[in-house]
Amino acid sequence: MELTSAPLHKGKVLWRGLLLVEPVTPPFIQVTNTTIKEKDPVSLTCISKDTGISIRWLFNGKRLELTDRMKLSQDNITLRIESFRKEDSGVYECEVSNPVSSKKSDSIQLDIMHA
C-alpha cells in the first residue's frame, strides 16, 4: 500500500503520516503613514501569505519593547502607536516564523514630520 501526500493548509502537507511544514515566505509591512506629526496615531500591519505563524516586531534591529502608548492586536499582526513621539522614530520590521524557518520584512523608517 503506497501512501501519497495530501495538502492540508497552505504551508502544511501530510506525507506518510508526517506533518511537513514548509518554510515561511517574507512578510511585508503596511503602514498608515511613514511621516507622522507628533502625537498622531500610526498603525503598522505585518502582511504574510503564510498560516500557522508567529509574528514579532523589531525596532532599530532589536525586539520591540512596548510602551504604554503601543498596542498589539491579539495575533500580533497589527502594531498601533496611539501618540507618536520623537523616541518612536526609527526603523520597524516584522518577523514571521514557524517551526522550520523565520523571515523578516523589509524595514520601514518612521519619522516625525517637522513643519
Protein backbone atom coordinates (compact mmCIF):
# COMPACT_ATOMS: atom_id res chain seq x y z
CA MET A 1 0.00 0.00 0.00
CA GLU A 2 1.52 3.31 -1.10
CA LEU A 3 0.79 6.50 0.81
CA THR A 4 0.57 9.76 -1.11
CA SER A 5 0.93 13.31 0.08
CA ALA A 6 -2.19 15.37 0.69
CA PRO A 7 -2.31 19.15 1.07
CA LEU A 8 -3.86 20.33 4.35
CA HIS A 9 -3.41 24.07 4.61
CA LYS A 10 -1.07 26.42 2.81
CA GLY A 11 2.42 25.58 4.01
CA LYS A 12 1.49 22.19 5.51
CA VAL A 13 1.42 18.77 3.85
CA LEU A 14 0.64 15.36 5.33
CA TRP A 15 3.15 12.86 3.90
CA ARG A 16 3.39 9.26 5.00
CA GLY A 17 1.70 10.10 8.26
CA LEU A 18 4.05 13.03 8.98
CA LEU A 19 3.03 16.67 9.04
CA LEU A 20 5.55 18.60 6.97
CA VAL A 21 5.79 22.36 7.40
CA GLU A 22 7.12 24.49 4.57
CA PRO A 23 9.46 27.46 5.18
CA VAL A 24 7.74 30.83 5.56
CA THR A 25 7.82 33.50 2.87
CA PRO A 26 8.99 37.07 3.61
CA PRO A 27 6.24 39.31 5.05
CA PHE A 28 5.79 43.00 4.30
CA ILE A 29 4.61 45.93 6.40
CA GLN A 30 1.61 48.05 5.53
CA VAL A 31 1.65 51.41 7.33
CA THR A 32 -0.89 54.21 7.56
CA ASN A 33 1.80 56.88 7.11
CA THR A 34 5.62 56.96 7.20
CA THR A 35 5.94 60.64 8.08
CA ILE A 36 3.88 61.47 11.14
CA LYS A 37 3.07 64.62 13.07
CA GLU A 38 3.97 64.42 16.75
CA LYS A 39 1.14 62.90 18.82
CA ASP A 40 -0.56 61.42 15.69
CA PRO A 41 -1.61 57.76 15.83
CA VAL A 42 0.02 55.30 13.43
CA SER A 43 -0.69 51.64 12.66
CA LEU A 44 1.66 49.08 11.14
CA THR A 45 0.35 45.75 9.85
CA CYS A 46 2.52 42.70 9.16
CA ILE A 47 1.20 41.04 6.00
CA SER A 48 2.08 37.39 5.37
CA LYS A 49 0.79 34.76 2.93
CA ASP A 50 1.57 32.05 5.47
CA THR A 51 -0.69 30.49 8.09
CA GLY A 52 0.16 28.99 11.47
CA ILE A 53 2.90 31.56 12.07
CA SER A 54 4.19 33.60 14.98
CA ILE A 55 4.82 37.32 14.49
CA ARG A 56 7.18 39.59 16.39
CA TRP A 57 8.07 43.25 15.87
CA LEU A 58 11.55 44.77 15.76
CA PHE A 59 12.57 48.39 16.36
CA ASN A 60 16.02 49.54 15.21
CA GLY A 61 17.08 45.90 14.80
CA LYS A 62 16.04 44.78 18.31
CA ARG A 63 12.90 43.19 19.72
CA LEU A 64 10.32 45.95 20.20
CA GLU A 65 9.62 46.82 23.82
CA LEU A 66 6.05 48.06 24.08
CA THR A 67 5.36 51.37 25.80
CA ASP A 68 2.04 52.39 27.34
CA ARG A 69 1.20 54.15 24.04
CA MET A 70 1.68 50.97 21.96
CA LYS A 71 -0.80 48.16 21.47
CA LEU A 72 -0.52 44.85 19.62
CA SER A 73 -3.53 43.05 18.17
CA GLN A 74 -4.25 39.66 19.73
CA ASP A 75 -2.40 37.86 16.91
CA ASN A 76 0.46 40.43 16.83
CA ILE A 77 -0.38 41.30 13.20
CA THR A 78 -1.06 44.99 13.93
CA LEU A 79 1.06 47.37 15.98
CA ARG A 80 -0.69 50.63 16.89
CA ILE A 81 1.11 53.62 18.38
CA GLU A 82 -1.54 55.88 19.89
CA SER A 83 0.53 59.06 20.22
CA PHE A 84 3.72 59.02 18.13
CA ARG A 85 6.71 60.73 19.77
CA LYS A 86 10.26 61.55 18.71
CA GLU A 87 11.59 58.48 20.55
CA ASP A 88 9.33 56.28 18.37
CA SER A 89 11.14 57.47 15.21
CA GLY A 90 13.30 54.75 13.70
CA VAL A 91 13.28 51.52 11.73
CA TYR A 92 10.44 48.99 12.17
CA GLU A 93 10.40 45.40 10.92
CA CYS A 94 8.20 42.39 11.49
CA GLU A 95 9.40 38.81 11.59
CA VAL A 96 7.25 35.77 10.87
CA SER A 97 8.24 32.28 11.95
CA ASN A 98 7.04 28.70 12.08
CA PRO A 99 8.78 25.59 13.47
CA VAL A 100 11.18 25.35 10.49
CA SER A 101 12.06 28.92 9.46
CA SER A 102 11.73 32.66 10.01
CA LYS A 103 11.83 35.68 7.69
CA LYS A 104 11.95 39.43 8.27
CA SER A 105 10.10 42.07 6.30
CA ASP A 106 11.87 44.93 4.59
CA SER A 107 12.34 47.76 7.05
CA ILE A 108 10.08 50.80 7.30
CA GLN A 109 11.51 54.11 8.53
CA LEU A 110 9.06 56.20 10.57
CA ASP A 111 9.87 59.85 11.29
CA ILE A 112 8.13 62.86 12.80
CA MET A 113 7.32 65.45 10.16
CA HIS A 114 8.66 68.88 11.04
CA ALA A 115 6.52 71.85 9.99
